[in-house]
Amino acid sequence: MKDWRDGSAGALRMGLKHGMYCAGCCWLLMALLFVAGVMNMWWVGLISVFVLVEKAVPSVFVSKLAGAVLVTWGLWLAFS
């Protein structure tokens, strides 16, 4: 709320600022969703549920567990 701007121009400016922040922090997830969405909608659903659980459960444990699982899976794929 500290960056609030009145009027249509202010709303546009706030939206652009938020959009740049979102694209900057989540560009890899967006690229992954684009590729997965073109290939298979089940992957998009799975990624969406994963993000929902990670955001909805107020615990650092979920994020650390998810990171460990993804790193392990990535290493397994890299070396197989």
C-alpha atoms as a PDB file:
ATOM      1  CA  MET A   1       0.000   0.000   0.000  1.00  0.00           C
ATOM      2  CA  LYS A   2       2.977   2.338   0.282  1.00  0.00           C
ATOM      3  CA  ASP A   3       3.198   2.597  -3.530  1.00  0.00           C
ATOM      4  CA  TRP A   4      -0.488   3.456  -3.999  1.00  0.00           C
ATOM      5  CA  ARG A   5      -1.291   5.772  -6.924  1.00  0.00           C
ATOM      6  CA  ASP A   6      -4.685   7.335  -7.598  1.00  0.00           C
ATOM      7  CA  GLY A   7      -6.460   7.354 -10.949  1.00  0.00           C
ATOM      8  CA  SER A   8      -6.180   5.292 -14.091  1.00  0.00           C
ATOM      9  CA  ALA A   9      -2.576   6.271 -14.767  1.00  0.00           C
ATOM     10  CA  GLY A  10      -1.670   5.346 -11.203  1.00  0.00           C
ATOM     11  CA  ALA A  11      -3.386   1.981 -11.549  1.00  0.00           C
ATOM     12  CA  LEU A  12      -1.491   1.342 -14.776  1.00  0.00           C
ATOM     13  CA  ARG A  13       1.801   2.302 -13.135  1.00  0.00           C
ATOM     14  CA  MET A  14       1.144   0.043 -10.131  1.00  0.00           C
ATOM     15  CA  GLY A  15       0.160  -2.826 -12.431  1.00  0.00           C
ATOM     16  CA  LEU A  16       3.293  -2.452 -14.540  1.00  0.00           C
ATOM     17  CA  LYS A  17       5.480  -2.319 -11.437  1.00  0.00           C
ATOM     18  CA  HIS A  18       3.838  -5.425  -9.978  1.00  0.00           C
ATOM     19  CA  GLY A  19       4.020  -7.209 -13.337  1.00  0.00           C
ATOM     20  CA  MET A  20       7.743  -6.517 -13.673  1.00  0.00           C
ATOM     21  CA  TYR A  21       8.347  -7.786 -10.137  1.00  0.00           C
ATOM     22  CA  CYS A  22       6.300 -10.924 -10.807  1.00  0.00           C
ATOM     23  CA  ALA A  23       7.980 -11.620 -14.148  1.00  0.00           C
ATOM     24  CA  GLY A  24      11.396 -10.964 -12.623  1.00  0.00           C
ATOM     25  CA  CYS A  25      11.004 -13.392  -9.754  1.00  0.00           C
ATOM     26  CA  CYS A  26       8.976 -16.076 -11.526  1.00  0.00           C
ATOM     27  CA  TRP A  27      10.231 -16.041 -15.130  1.00  0.00           C
ATOM     28  CA  LEU A  28      11.476 -19.607 -14.936  1.00  0.00           C
ATOM     29  CA  LEU A  29       8.155 -20.877 -13.577  1.00  0.00           C
ATOM     30  CA  MET A  30       6.320 -18.995 -16.333  1.00  0.00           C
ATOM     31  CA  ALA A  31       8.583 -20.541 -18.988  1.00  0.00           C
ATOM     32  CA  LEU A  32       8.067 -23.986 -17.471  1.00  0.00           C
ATOM     33  CA  LEU A  33       4.292 -23.524 -17.434  1.00  0.00           C
ATOM     34  CA  PHE A  34       4.371 -22.421 -21.082  1.00  0.00           C
ATOM     35  CA  VAL A  35       6.360 -25.468 -22.164  1.00  0.00           C
ATOM     36  CA  ALA A  36       4.342 -27.848 -19.978  1.00  0.00           C
ATOM     37  CA  GLY A  37       1.062 -26.293 -21.094  1.00  0.00           C
ATOM     38  CA  VAL A  38       1.907 -26.787 -24.738  1.00  0.00           C
ATOM     39  CA  MET A  39       2.828 -30.414 -24.089  1.00  0.00           C
ATOM     40  CA  ASN A  40       0.377 -31.635 -21.447  1.00  0.00           C
ATOM     41  CA  MET A  41      -2.285 -29.961 -19.308  1.00  0.00           C
ATOM     42  CA  TRP A  42      -1.759 -32.531 -16.528  1.00  0.00           C
ATOM     43  CA  TRP A  43       1.695 -31.029 -15.881  1.00  0.00           C
ATOM     44  CA  VAL A  44       0.157 -27.565 -15.607  1.00  0.00           C
ATOM     45  CA  GLY A  45      -2.334 -28.905 -13.066  1.00  0.00           C
ATOM     46  CA  LEU A  46       0.399 -30.643 -11.106  1.00  0.00           C
ATOM     47  CA  ILE A  47       2.581 -27.522 -11.031  1.00  0.00           C
ATOM     48  CA  SER A  48      -0.437 -25.426  -9.992  1.00  0.00           C
ATOM     49  CA  VAL A  49      -1.243 -27.748  -7.080  1.00  0.00           C
ATOM     50  CA  PHE A  50       2.431 -27.719  -6.068  1.00  0.00           C
ATOM     51  CA  VAL A  51       2.515 -23.899  -6.008  1.00  0.00           C
ATOM     52  CA  LEU A  52      -0.817 -23.750  -4.146  1.00  0.00           C
ATOM     53  CA  VAL A  53       0.385 -26.120  -1.422  1.00  0.00           C
ATOM     54  CA  GLU A  54       3.704 -24.299  -1.127  1.00  0.00           C
ATOM     55  CA  LYS A  55       1.963 -20.920  -0.740  1.00  0.00           C
ATOM     56  CA  ALA A  56      -1.037 -22.004   1.340  1.00  0.00           C
ATOM     57  CA  VAL A  57       0.744 -24.053   3.999  1.00  0.00           C
ATOM     58  CA  PRO A  58       2.407 -21.619   6.423  1.00  0.00           C
ATOM     59  CA  SER A  59       5.543 -23.659   6.969  1.00  0.00           C
ATOM     60  CA  VAL A  60       9.150 -23.401   5.882  1.00  0.00           C
ATOM     61  CA  PHE A  61       9.292 -27.205   5.989  1.00  0.00           C
ATOM     62  CA  VAL A  62       7.106 -27.526   2.863  1.00  0.00           C
ATOM     63  CA  SER A  63       9.383 -25.233   0.844  1.00  0.00           C
ATOM     64  CA  LYS A  64      12.541 -26.999   2.020  1.00  0.00           C
ATOM     65  CA  LEU A  65      11.036 -30.412   1.325  1.00  0.00           C
ATOM     66  CA  ALA A  66       9.926 -29.306  -2.135  1.00  0.00           C
ATOM     67  CA  GLY A  67      13.378 -27.905  -2.859  1.00  0.00           C
ATOM     68  CA  ALA A  68      15.076 -31.095  -1.731  1.00  0.00           C
ATOM     69  CA  VAL A  69      12.757 -33.243  -3.849  1.00  0.00           C
ATOM     70  CA  LEU A  70      13.284 -31.065  -6.928  1.00  0.00           C
ATOM     71  CA  VAL A  71      17.081 -30.958  -6.517  1.00  0.00           C
ATOM     72  CA  THR A  72      17.178 -34.738  -6.056  1.00  0.00           C
ATOM     73  CA  TRP A  73      14.988 -35.260  -9.118  1.00  0.00           C
ATOM     74  CA  GLY A  74      17.168 -32.874 -11.155  1.00  0.00           C
ATOM     75  CA  LEU A  75      20.355 -34.665 -10.131  1.00  0.00           C
ATOM     76  CA  TRP A  76      18.801 -38.023 -10.913  1.00  0.00           C
ATOM     77  CA  LEU A  77      17.798 -36.791 -14.374  1.00  0.00           C
ATOM     78  CA  ALA A  78      21.214 -35.237 -14.996  1.00  0.00           C
ATOM     79  CA  PHE A  79      23.119 -38.393 -14.147  1.00  0.00           C
ATOM     80  CA  SER A  80      20.809 -40.977 -15.659  1.00  0.00           C
END
